[in-house]
């Protein structure tokens, strides 16, 4: 806003001319006459003259600096964030054109020393050569991006920086604490800033990301097809309805975008990744009046943000993860410290599920990897303490040979009496996270390993059976104390988990059971006319004259689930047996044949038995992009160091998190 001047009376502009017969005044008096002329000018005239002089001076400086400096192309990145360039690790934005001359480039921006014409010419020519070389390097990098694949270093106490982002507490929402604990190590080329103030260790980049062979290229094309449909018809919403070409929302948090971030990075889809990153920055609103499920939001959104942070070293994802963690914390304010299942992200009001008083056991025990990692990165132990208290309480409760019921009450802290014991729905990831928490900490918390080993022994004693016809091993359930030969597709995560455990020193019997169960899980696909597995199967343990697998009409649907290809990836990576790749390729081809939707997207189907009318269910789950296609891409990778299983542990939504060094 400009100031307004008021005058008591109007002024008239005039020029006076004096004629004199006196000789001319000396030079000093002529200068004094100029001052008198200036004083006689009106305010308007003086303002115009000053403006002309100022514009001229600024134009001169701008032209001079334009000759001396090459300004970055994207002005927004200068003020907002650090860009990640796959070929150059992570560098400051000033390094976009001159990665080895950051300090000098900054000095030149403010250098007003005179340069002679020849120096300016040589400098300009050198800059042009450097610009061309770096642009060529960036174009090469886009065709073969790289991945951050290193173990996060242990924290060194002492240095604290304020975390970027809003630190204000909302009503009912816990604070993250005002400071971020970070590594205090000698600054090297492998370090960069994240956000505005936070210094973190930047892992080295390695080759191997992006499609390397025909099978991987086919998986990438499948991802692009799925992404095309989502982008066109459901952008910003949770999931795509590919048949009706519409969107569906569960929590309104863009689940498909966040679930897909690390998949795009691993596949080398940098353009799509940047597009998704911009949505997270501008449109992901976490303070909203919506009830969300603690477990699903943790494994998909919190896990997805943390994984994207580790792969890209972009502090935006850590800022969003910290805010989300705070908004989920009220779930732990229960009488027993067993968390409530749901919470409102705006008000912080937490409550049990709408359908009953109990929380699901697998859900309250499958949030630990993510919350512990959030504490590890922010230096605030409140997240880790909350989930560790949950695990400590569960470990104190009585179990049946290490096996747990699938419901626990958040008020009493007790298991529901007579509840089903299963490794499928509502029980599965409890066992997975026992092992993976032990791995996450560098195998330092042996009590978690011991609980896991006891649970596997309990499964072998109580749940593992073989079919009567061909001896297929499977995992059944205990329903009110009685064995049921029912196995969910969800159970097919277990072969991969067993294989990881053996890789980390557990008994050889774990690997043998993993191989047997993987064979059964694949058979659930191969025995169906479409080559796709049903959601639930029942196994024949009594009559050798009947098929091994029976599928009831209510269980014939396929939701594009990842568990079988997840286990195939682990077994191929750890054994090198190519049959797991062959099985995975056949499963992928079946997805392509029966679930692909013309125009974009893939759909879950209603019947794996019907090749003519598989009955599209008009839903593409976010985990199809976040898990199923990611595990297929990794299964077909020729690089065993890509997301090394000695450096990363995958959460139950397939988001890789780094293993800590003890």
Foldseek 3Di string as FASTA:
>chain_A
DDDDDDDPDDDDDDDDDDDDPDDDDPPVVVVVVVVVVVVSGDPVVVVVVVVVVVVVVVVVVVVVLVLQADDDDDPVCLPWFFAAQQVQQTARPCCLQPVPCSPVRVVSNPDPDDDDPVVSVVNNVVSVVSNVVSVVVSVVCLQWGWWQFFFFAAFDPDDKDFADDDQDDAAQFAGLDGIFGEHDDDDDSQWDDATDIDTYGHGDIDGFAADDDDLLVVLVVQLVQFVLLCVQAPPQACFFLNVVSHGDHDFSQNLLLLLQLVVCVRNSVVVSNVVSVVCLVPPRDQQDFGKDFLQVCLQRQLLSLQLNCNTGVHNSSLRVSSLNLRLSVLQQPEQQSQGAGMATSNNNDGAHDPVDQWDWPLRLQQNQVRQCVNCSGRVRCPSNVSSVSLVVLVVPADDDQLWDAGIAGRHVRGRDPQHKTFCAPSGVCNLVVLVVVCQQQVNPPCVSVVSNVSVVVSQVVPFWDAFQAPGQIDGFMQGSNDTFQKDFLRSLLQLLSLLLVVVVPDDPVSNVVSVSHLVVSQVQQVVAPLSHHWRMWGAHRDDNVDDGIDDDLQTFKDQLDARSLLSLLSCCLRPVDCVSLVSLSSNVVSQVQPFRDPPGRGFIFNHSRDNVPRHGPSIRRSLNSSHRSSSNSSSPGPDSSSNPPSFWDARPSRRTDGRYDD
